[in-house]
Amino acid sequence: MNPPNGYPTIIARVRPPAGWQLYYQDDHQPIVPVPGIHIHKLLADSFTTVLTEIWAYAKEALGAGATDDAIRQWLHQTRVDQTGDGHNYRPNTSNPMHVQFATGA
């Protein structure tokens, strides 16, 4: 299904900060690596800021000399690198020009 009108203007794929690897998870398949998540464009900067702060927390928790690989492993063990994505659009059956969003990240 192609994105409906208006979809690309309010939803953006946001890539995580350097070092991060995000994974998509759903109930029907194993987790898979993804380049970013789709969220409302107004949330993009906040999302990046939060991930940067989580990375810094993990680095501090692991102590001096923590490598990027060790941080990614910590993030994966705590499952903060897993997402169900941010927005999934659904056509509005009563008006195909409007979009309904399912959210969850």
Protein backbone atom coordinates (compact mmCIF):
# COMPACT_ATOMS: atom_id res chain seq x y z
CA MET A 1 0.00 0.00 0.00
CA ASN A 2 1.34 3.43 -0.88
CA PRO A 3 1.31 6.15 1.76
CA PRO A 4 -1.80 8.33 1.49
CA ASN A 5 -1.69 12.05 0.80
CA GLY A 6 -0.25 13.97 3.72
CA TYR A 7 1.62 10.99 5.16
CA PRO A 8 5.14 12.04 4.12
CA THR A 9 4.67 15.59 5.39
CA ILE A 10 3.97 14.72 9.03
CA ILE A 11 5.72 11.36 9.52
CA ALA A 12 9.47 10.94 9.21
CA ARG A 13 11.81 8.01 9.47
CA VAL A 14 14.17 9.00 12.26
CA ARG A 15 17.53 7.31 12.43
CA PRO A 16 19.04 6.70 15.85
CA PRO A 17 22.22 8.50 16.94
CA ALA A 18 25.63 7.07 16.03
CA GLY A 19 26.36 3.79 17.77
CA TRP A 20 22.74 2.67 18.08
CA GLN A 21 21.16 -0.27 16.30
CA LEU A 22 17.39 -0.46 16.55
CA TYR A 23 15.40 -3.66 16.03
CA TYR A 24 11.80 -4.18 14.94
CA GLN A 25 9.77 -6.64 16.97
CA ASP A 26 6.31 -8.04 16.47
CA ASP A 27 4.46 -11.14 17.66
CA HIS A 28 4.93 -13.10 14.44
CA GLN A 29 8.63 -12.95 13.62
CA PRO A 30 12.02 -12.70 15.31
CA ILE A 31 13.49 -9.25 15.80
CA VAL A 32 15.17 -7.71 12.76
CA PRO A 33 17.54 -4.71 12.50
CA VAL A 34 15.97 -1.49 11.17
CA PRO A 35 17.55 1.83 10.13
CA GLY A 36 15.12 3.95 12.17
CA ILE A 37 11.50 4.35 13.20
CA HIS A 38 8.60 6.30 11.73
CA ILE A 39 7.34 8.98 14.09
CA HIS A 40 5.70 12.37 13.83
CA LYS A 41 8.31 14.82 12.61
CA LEU A 42 7.77 17.09 15.62
CA LEU A 43 9.03 14.28 17.88
CA ALA A 44 12.22 13.59 15.93
CA ASP A 45 14.55 15.83 17.94
CA SER A 46 13.17 14.59 21.26
CA PHE A 47 13.54 10.97 20.17
CA THR A 48 17.18 11.54 19.23
CA THR A 49 17.86 13.38 22.50
CA VAL A 50 16.36 10.58 24.59
CA LEU A 51 18.39 7.91 22.78
CA THR A 52 21.56 9.97 23.27
CA GLU A 53 20.81 10.23 27.00
CA ILE A 54 20.14 6.47 27.24
CA TRP A 55 23.47 5.78 25.51
CA ALA A 56 25.25 8.05 28.01
CA TYR A 57 23.52 6.30 30.93
CA ALA A 58 24.56 2.87 29.63
CA LYS A 59 28.13 4.05 29.15
CA GLU A 60 28.24 5.35 32.72
CA ALA A 61 26.63 2.19 34.09
CA LEU A 62 29.23 0.02 32.38
CA GLY A 63 32.09 2.13 33.68
CA ALA A 64 35.34 3.45 32.30
CA GLY A 65 36.51 1.85 29.08
CA ALA A 66 33.04 0.73 27.94
CA THR A 67 33.17 0.00 24.22
CA ASP A 68 30.39 0.73 21.73
CA ASP A 69 29.86 -3.03 21.36
CA ALA A 70 29.49 -3.42 25.14
CA ILE A 71 27.00 -0.55 25.22
CA ARG A 72 24.98 -2.05 22.34
CA GLN A 73 24.96 -5.39 24.16
CA TRP A 74 23.69 -3.68 27.33
CA LEU A 75 20.99 -1.88 25.34
CA HIS A 76 19.96 -5.17 23.75
CA GLN A 77 19.89 -7.06 27.06
CA THR A 78 17.64 -4.37 28.55
CA ARG A 79 15.57 -4.37 25.32
CA VAL A 80 15.60 -0.61 24.90
CA ASP A 81 16.77 -1.10 21.31
CA GLN A 82 13.58 -2.91 20.28
CA THR A 83 10.58 -1.17 18.72
CA GLY A 84 7.26 -1.98 17.16
CA ASP A 85 7.86 1.16 15.04
CA GLY A 86 6.19 4.47 15.72
CA HIS A 87 3.33 5.03 13.28
CA ASN A 88 1.45 2.76 10.95
CA TYR A 89 -1.07 4.41 8.69
CA ARG A 90 -4.47 2.97 7.85
CA PRO A 91 -6.83 4.31 5.24
CA ASN A 92 -9.98 5.91 6.58
CA THR A 93 -12.75 3.98 4.86
CA SER A 94 -15.25 6.82 5.10
CA ASN A 95 -12.82 9.37 3.63
CA PRO A 96 -9.75 8.06 1.77
CA MET A 97 -8.07 11.49 1.95
CA HIS A 98 -7.76 11.23 5.75
CA VAL A 99 -5.37 8.97 7.55
CA GLN A 100 -5.83 7.07 10.79
CA PHE A 101 -2.69 6.26 12.73
CA ALA A 102 -1.87 3.36 14.97
CA THR A 103 0.87 4.31 17.38
CA GLY A 104 3.24 2.36 19.53
CA ALA A 105 6.98 2.40 19.97
